[in-house]
Amino acid sequence: MLMAEQFALELRSVSRSFGAIHALRDVSFSIRAGEVMALMGENGAGKSTAVRIMSGFDTGYNGEVLRNGTVVRFRSPADAERQGVAIAQQELSQVATLSIAENIFLGNSRQPTWSTISAM
């Protein structure tokens, strides 16, 4: 018997509104471990909102987030990070005196280890 494919991270039927504005409406997608994924769309399409929900920055949504096949409800970015979910913020400016790895982890509460960096 085949088991359903388990994804590292999933959004299932996720919706998020800000007053009368529907940022996300019934959005679903899955990410496999090690997979590179791009969210593309016009300004205001809900890309940042989806990422904020997946990483615990936004908790006021409807629907489900799953981590390794289990429904989770991240209460904060730190909660998501403890469960292995974090985002690298897109910033227009980096600190020129820091390495690439240091810039990626800038502001991250957890200091990177060499095993974390080599996995990147």
Protein backbone atom coordinates (compact mmCIF):
# COMPACT_ATOMS: atom_id res chain seq x y z
CA MET A 1 0.00 0.00 0.00
CA LEU A 2 1.41 3.41 -0.99
CA MET A 3 1.46 6.13 1.62
CA ALA A 4 0.49 9.66 0.68
CA GLU A 5 3.53 11.74 -0.19
CA GLN A 6 4.76 13.71 2.78
CA PHE A 7 5.93 17.25 2.16
CA ALA A 8 8.32 19.31 4.26
CA LEU A 9 5.85 22.21 4.27
CA GLU A 10 2.31 22.62 2.97
CA LEU A 11 -0.40 25.23 2.88
CA ARG A 12 -3.92 23.82 2.50
CA SER A 13 -6.88 26.05 1.69
CA VAL A 14 -5.27 29.05 3.40
CA SER A 15 -7.14 32.35 3.37
CA ARG A 16 -6.17 35.67 4.92
CA SER A 17 -8.08 38.92 4.88
CA PHE A 18 -7.26 42.38 6.14
CA GLY A 19 -10.65 43.99 6.57
CA ALA A 20 -12.34 43.92 3.16
CA ILE A 21 -9.07 43.05 1.40
CA HIS A 22 -8.58 39.34 0.61
CA ALA A 23 -4.80 38.85 0.52
CA LEU A 24 -5.12 35.06 0.10
CA ARG A 25 -8.18 33.10 -0.88
CA ASP A 26 -8.10 29.28 -0.62
CA VAL A 27 -4.37 28.96 -1.43
CA SER A 28 -2.74 25.52 -1.40
CA PHE A 29 0.77 24.41 -2.30
CA SER A 30 3.40 21.93 -1.13
CA ILE A 31 7.18 22.03 -0.80
CA ARG A 32 9.35 18.90 -0.70
CA ALA A 33 12.50 18.75 1.42
CA GLY A 34 15.40 20.19 -0.57
CA GLU A 35 13.13 21.64 -3.24
CA VAL A 36 13.70 25.15 -4.55
CA MET A 37 10.45 27.01 -5.04
CA ALA A 38 9.53 30.46 -6.32
CA LEU A 39 6.38 32.40 -5.48
CA MET A 40 5.71 34.73 -8.36
CA GLY A 41 3.00 37.28 -8.93
CA GLU A 42 2.16 40.92 -9.20
CA ASN A 43 2.38 43.37 -6.31
CA GLY A 44 -0.42 42.65 -3.86
CA ALA A 45 -0.90 39.05 -5.05
CA GLY A 46 -0.30 37.65 -1.53
CA LYS A 47 3.23 36.25 -1.88
CA SER A 48 4.56 37.95 1.24
CA THR A 49 1.43 37.06 3.18
CA ALA A 50 1.88 33.36 2.32
CA VAL A 51 5.54 33.46 3.39
CA ARG A 52 4.65 35.28 6.60
CA ILE A 53 2.06 32.61 7.43
CA MET A 54 4.48 29.74 6.67
CA SER A 55 7.15 31.26 8.91
CA GLY A 56 5.02 32.25 11.91
CA PHE A 57 4.98 36.01 11.35
CA ASP A 58 1.22 36.03 10.61
CA THR A 59 -1.10 33.95 12.77
CA GLY A 60 -4.50 35.37 11.76
CA TYR A 61 -5.33 33.04 8.87
CA ASN A 62 -7.83 30.31 8.08
CA GLY A 63 -6.77 26.94 6.67
CA GLU A 64 -3.91 24.62 7.53
CA VAL A 65 -0.13 24.71 7.56
CA LEU A 66 1.52 21.30 7.68
CA ARG A 67 5.12 20.51 8.62
CA ASN A 68 6.23 17.00 7.63
CA GLY A 69 2.61 15.91 7.26
CA THR A 70 1.46 17.22 10.65
CA VAL A 71 -0.83 20.23 11.06
CA VAL A 72 1.00 23.01 12.91
CA ARG A 73 0.01 26.47 14.07
CA PHE A 74 3.16 28.53 14.52
CA ARG A 75 2.61 31.14 17.22
CA SER A 76 5.70 33.16 16.28
CA PRO A 77 8.76 33.12 14.00
CA ALA A 78 10.72 31.61 16.91
CA ASP A 79 8.15 28.81 17.15
CA ALA A 80 8.49 28.13 13.40
CA GLU A 81 12.28 28.23 13.66
CA ARG A 82 12.26 25.65 16.47
CA GLN A 83 10.40 23.35 14.06
CA GLY A 84 12.88 23.96 11.24
CA VAL A 85 11.06 26.67 9.28
CA ALA A 86 12.73 30.03 8.71
CA ILE A 87 12.94 32.58 5.93
CA ALA A 88 15.79 34.63 4.54
CA GLN A 89 14.44 38.16 4.26
CA GLN A 90 14.85 39.90 0.93
CA GLU A 91 16.69 43.08 1.74
CA LEU A 92 17.96 45.67 -0.68
CA SER A 93 21.05 46.34 1.42
CA GLN A 94 23.42 43.97 3.12
CA VAL A 95 26.24 44.65 5.52
CA ALA A 96 29.31 44.81 3.28
CA THR A 97 31.72 43.78 6.05
CA LEU A 98 29.84 40.52 6.75
CA SER A 99 30.12 37.25 4.85
CA ILE A 100 27.23 35.91 2.78
CA ALA A 101 26.31 33.45 5.54
CA GLU A 102 26.45 36.19 8.20
CA ASN A 103 24.16 38.40 6.11
CA ILE A 104 21.70 35.53 5.66
CA PHE A 105 21.56 34.94 9.41
CA LEU A 106 21.58 38.64 10.34
CA GLY A 107 18.85 39.19 12.91
CA ASN A 108 18.31 35.46 13.37
CA SER A 109 18.08 34.53 17.02
CA ARG A 110 19.96 31.29 16.40
CA GLN A 111 23.62 31.48 15.44
CA PRO A 112 24.52 29.35 12.41
CA THR A 113 26.78 26.36 12.78
CA TRP A 114 29.13 25.11 10.10
CA SER A 115 26.79 22.16 9.48
CA THR A 116 23.93 24.61 8.87
CA ILE A 117 26.06 26.67 6.50
CA SER A 118 27.42 23.66 4.61
CA ALA A 119 23.86 22.42 4.09
CA MET A 120 23.08 25.64 2.27
